[in-house]
Every structure is written in structure tokens, then in C-alpha cells.
Amino acid sequence: MTGALLRRHDTDAMPKPARPRFFSYDGPPQPGLLEAAEGVLRRRLADYGAGLETATAGHEGLYVLLSPDGRTALLRLLANAAPHRRSGNNLGLHWMLRSDIEEYVALVDVSRESVWLLPAADFRARAQPLPGGRFHLDWLALRLSARSRVADEDQFEQYRLENVMEGEGLASAHPEPVEGVSGECRM
């Protein structure tokens, strides 16, 4: 009888396997997600004669954005596989920026091949600041209930890559000033 108790006790003391984390604000992107987003961004930029180069080794998601007229800017690429359930039945996207060296932030929804290009200052002005110098930006791609206070995706329409590039180029990423944001874009 004591042997059975010991065996049972031993299995109770064994650590349980960790539950998989499907959604994390701080976790690294899913394997292959950043590469897929980079491919989408490169294709979409090429349509406008712009390009992308890797900035430096060891800085995942950091690139040099090459404008059609030869100007450059430091760009941070943030990726999402697809909109996910947010605030009840709504579907949304969220983005986490952890650094402050980039001039632009490219947000890529791989499933819809959608790209938004924001000046980094606008991203930070619209995002919720978090401890450790991080900024969290989210919006609803599909609002099915009115209970959420999260912004709708159409409030970011001015930052869609096609609107930025077909406007006045990359400098048009600032068509309307954002409250609390000042300064000029370098592109």
C-alpha cells in the first residue's frame, strides 16, 4: 500500500506540462511569421518602387526603408498572422513596439496582406504606454458588438501603405497631425 501511495505522490509532484501560449504581448513572433510579413512588405513596397534592406544583424524586424526618390529611414516591422478574437465577439489586431530607434513602423496582417506604415511618433501617440518603454496599439478589424472601446481599423486608413504611397509618398504618412505629436518625418 505504501508503494502505491508513493507512486501516486511521485506523479502528483511531477511538474505539469506548460500550456501552449497562443497569444502573448511579450512573446516572440511565431516562427516564420516575421519572414512571411517581410515578404508581404517587400512585394507591396516594390509596387511603388520602394525597397527594404536589413538594417543590422541581431535586430530582428529592423530594416532600412528605401523610398523611390533615394531617401532612407529606419523601419520596424511588426507582424500579425490574422485578426483574432478581441473584446467579446469582435475581431482585432494588436501590435507591441518595444524600441525607440525606428522612424517608421510597418504593421503587416499576413492573412489579408494588409500593410500600414506609421511614423513611429504616431504609433506611440496612438498606443497605450506600458512599463519598460513598450507601447501597445490595437484596433478592431471587425466590430460585432458595441461594447468595446477599442478603435476601429478604419481610423487607421490614412496609414494604409497604398494611401501613404499614392499620396505624397512617405512624407504623407502624416496627413493629419496626431494630438501630442510634433516634428517632421525624415522621408
Protein backbone atom coordinates (compact mmCIF):
# COMPACT_ATOMS: atom_id res chain seq x y z
CA MET A 1 0.00 0.00 0.00
CA THR A 2 2.79 2.44 0.73
CA GLY A 3 4.28 1.73 -2.69
CA ALA A 4 1.02 2.74 -4.35
CA LEU A 5 0.91 5.94 -2.29
CA LEU A 6 4.50 6.75 -3.17
CA ARG A 7 3.88 6.21 -6.83
CA ARG A 8 0.78 8.39 -6.70
CA HIS A 9 2.64 11.03 -4.70
CA ASP A 10 5.52 10.98 -7.17
CA THR A 11 3.22 11.63 -10.13
CA ASP A 12 1.45 14.44 -8.27
CA ALA A 13 4.80 16.11 -7.63
CA MET A 14 5.80 15.94 -11.28
CA PRO A 15 5.51 19.30 -12.99
CA LYS A 16 2.59 19.56 -15.34
CA PRO A 17 3.45 20.44 -18.93
CA ALA A 18 3.11 24.12 -19.67
CA ARG A 19 0.02 25.11 -21.60
CA PRO A 20 0.85 26.47 -25.03
CA ARG A 21 0.70 30.25 -25.29
CA PHE A 22 -1.40 31.19 -28.27
CA PHE A 23 -1.49 34.90 -27.55
CA SER A 24 1.20 36.93 -25.88
CA TYR A 25 2.01 40.61 -25.85
CA ASP A 26 5.63 39.95 -24.98
CA GLY A 27 6.42 36.68 -26.68
CA PRO A 28 8.45 36.46 -29.86
CA PRO A 29 6.58 36.24 -33.16
CA GLN A 30 5.53 32.80 -34.36
CA PRO A 31 8.25 31.01 -36.32
CA GLY A 32 8.06 32.09 -39.94
CA LEU A 33 5.60 34.91 -39.25
CA LEU A 34 8.17 37.68 -39.46
CA GLU A 35 9.58 36.21 -42.67
CA ALA A 36 6.08 35.99 -44.19
CA ALA A 37 5.36 39.59 -43.18
CA GLU A 38 8.68 40.71 -44.64
CA GLY A 39 7.74 39.05 -47.93
CA VAL A 40 4.37 40.81 -47.99
CA LEU A 41 6.01 44.15 -47.19
CA ARG A 42 8.72 43.74 -49.84
CA ARG A 43 6.14 42.87 -52.54
CA ARG A 44 3.86 45.74 -51.59
CA LEU A 45 6.72 48.27 -51.47
CA ALA A 46 8.05 47.07 -54.84
CA ASP A 47 4.69 48.02 -56.40
CA TYR A 48 5.62 51.65 -55.63
CA GLY A 49 9.32 51.46 -56.48
CA ALA A 50 10.37 51.37 -52.82
CA GLY A 51 12.52 48.75 -51.15
CA LEU A 52 13.70 47.23 -47.91
CA GLU A 53 17.15 46.25 -46.63
CA THR A 54 18.06 44.51 -43.40
CA ALA A 55 19.40 47.15 -41.01
CA THR A 56 21.83 45.24 -38.78
CA ALA A 57 22.38 41.69 -37.65
CA GLY A 58 20.87 40.86 -34.28
CA HIS A 59 17.98 43.31 -34.61
CA GLU A 60 15.09 41.15 -35.74
CA GLY A 61 12.44 43.16 -37.56
CA LEU A 62 14.61 46.26 -38.07
CA TYR A 63 15.07 47.40 -41.67
CA VAL A 64 16.17 50.34 -43.79
CA LEU A 65 13.27 51.61 -45.86
CA LEU A 66 14.36 52.83 -49.29
CA SER A 67 11.99 55.38 -50.85
CA PRO A 68 11.64 55.68 -54.64
CA ASP A 69 13.48 59.03 -54.57
CA GLY A 70 16.50 57.56 -52.75
CA ARG A 71 15.79 58.70 -49.19
CA THR A 72 16.14 56.20 -46.36
CA ALA A 73 14.57 55.72 -42.95
CA LEU A 74 14.84 53.15 -40.18
CA LEU A 75 11.74 50.92 -40.08
CA ARG A 76 10.47 48.41 -37.51
CA LEU A 77 8.35 45.55 -38.93
CA LEU A 78 5.57 44.20 -36.69
CA ALA A 79 3.61 41.16 -37.86
CA ASN A 80 0.26 39.52 -37.15
CA ALA A 81 -0.88 36.24 -38.69
CA ALA A 82 -4.55 37.32 -38.80
CA PRO A 83 -7.16 39.22 -36.80
CA HIS A 84 -8.12 37.36 -33.65
CA ARG A 85 -10.97 37.49 -31.15
CA ARG A 86 -10.90 40.70 -29.12
CA SER A 87 -13.41 42.23 -26.71
CA GLY A 88 -16.19 39.65 -26.96
CA ASN A 89 -17.18 38.66 -30.48
CA ASN A 90 -15.07 41.32 -32.21
CA LEU A 91 -12.02 40.53 -34.33
CA GLY A 92 -8.98 42.73 -33.97
CA LEU A 93 -5.26 43.18 -34.26
CA HIS A 94 -2.74 44.27 -31.68
CA TRP A 95 0.81 45.48 -32.06
CA MET A 96 3.60 45.84 -29.50
CA LEU A 97 6.52 48.22 -30.04
CA ARG A 98 9.45 47.76 -27.67
CA SER A 99 12.09 50.13 -29.02
CA ASP A 100 12.51 53.78 -29.80
CA ILE A 101 15.14 53.88 -32.54
CA GLU A 102 12.92 53.48 -35.61
CA GLU A 103 11.48 56.34 -37.64
CA TYR A 104 8.61 54.30 -39.13
CA VAL A 105 6.65 51.24 -38.07
CA ALA A 106 5.23 48.84 -40.67
CA LEU A 107 2.26 46.79 -39.42
CA VAL A 108 1.56 43.71 -41.55
CA ASP A 109 -1.51 41.48 -41.35
CA VAL A 110 -0.22 38.46 -43.28
CA SER A 111 -3.63 36.80 -43.80
CA ARG A 112 -5.05 39.79 -45.67
CA GLU A 113 -1.68 41.04 -47.00
CA SER A 114 -2.55 44.42 -45.48
CA VAL A 115 0.19 46.89 -44.59
CA TRP A 116 0.02 50.08 -42.54
CA LEU A 117 3.00 52.46 -42.45
CA LEU A 118 3.07 54.83 -39.49
CA PRO A 119 5.68 57.30 -38.35
CA ALA A 120 6.95 55.87 -35.06
CA ALA A 121 5.86 59.03 -33.23
CA ASP A 122 2.27 58.50 -34.41
CA PHE A 123 2.36 54.86 -33.30
CA ARG A 124 3.47 55.91 -29.82
CA ALA A 125 0.92 58.75 -29.64
CA ARG A 126 -1.98 56.39 -30.51
CA ALA A 127 -0.74 53.45 -28.42
CA GLN A 128 -1.09 52.68 -24.75
CA PRO A 129 2.25 53.08 -22.95
CA LEU A 130 3.28 50.09 -20.86
CA PRO A 131 6.06 49.51 -18.33
CA GLY A 132 9.56 49.07 -19.71
CA GLY A 133 9.15 51.59 -22.53
CA ARG A 134 6.75 49.39 -24.52
CA PHE A 135 3.76 50.65 -26.49
CA HIS A 136 0.62 48.61 -27.24
CA LEU A 137 -1.61 49.59 -30.16
CA ASP A 138 -4.75 47.68 -31.04
CA TRP A 139 -7.84 48.07 -33.16
CA LEU A 140 -10.87 46.12 -34.26
CA ALA A 141 -10.86 44.79 -37.81
CA LEU A 142 -14.47 43.59 -37.46
CA ARG A 143 -16.77 45.04 -34.79
CA LEU A 144 -19.64 42.69 -33.97
CA SER A 145 -20.58 44.18 -30.61
CA ALA A 146 -20.73 47.78 -29.45
CA ARG A 147 -19.27 47.05 -26.00
CA SER A 148 -15.61 47.61 -26.87
CA ARG A 149 -13.83 50.96 -26.59
CA VAL A 150 -11.05 49.78 -28.92
CA ALA A 151 -10.57 51.88 -32.07
CA ASP A 152 -11.88 50.64 -35.42
CA GLU A 153 -9.47 49.74 -38.21
CA ASP A 154 -10.89 52.45 -40.47
CA GLN A 155 -9.43 55.06 -38.09
CA PHE A 156 -6.02 53.96 -39.44
CA GLU A 157 -6.98 54.23 -43.11
CA GLN A 158 -4.61 57.16 -43.68
CA TYR A 159 -1.70 54.85 -42.79
CA ARG A 160 -2.53 52.07 -45.26
CA LEU A 161 0.52 51.59 -47.46
CA GLU A 162 -1.41 52.33 -50.66
CA ASN A 163 -2.72 55.61 -49.22
CA VAL A 164 0.72 56.64 -48.00
CA MET A 165 2.49 55.76 -51.25
CA GLU A 166 -0.18 57.07 -53.64
CA GLY A 167 -0.41 60.33 -51.73
CA GLU A 168 2.72 62.41 -51.43
CA GLY A 169 4.93 59.41 -50.86
CA LEU A 170 6.28 58.52 -47.46
CA ALA A 171 6.03 62.09 -46.21
CA SER A 172 2.24 61.76 -46.47
CA ALA A 173 2.19 59.33 -43.56
CA HIS A 174 1.45 62.49 -41.55
CA PRO A 175 -1.67 63.76 -43.40
CA GLU A 176 -3.28 64.96 -40.18
CA PRO A 177 -1.41 65.83 -37.01
CA VAL A 178 -1.93 63.48 -34.10
CA GLU A 179 -2.53 65.19 -30.78
CA GLY A 180 0.68 65.26 -28.77
CA VAL A 181 2.91 64.52 -31.77
CA SER A 182 5.22 67.12 -33.20
CA GLY A 183 8.15 67.15 -35.55
CA GLU A 184 8.70 66.28 -39.17
CA CYS A 185 9.10 62.98 -40.94
CA ARG A 186 12.50 62.44 -42.46
CA MET A 187 11.04 60.99 -45.61
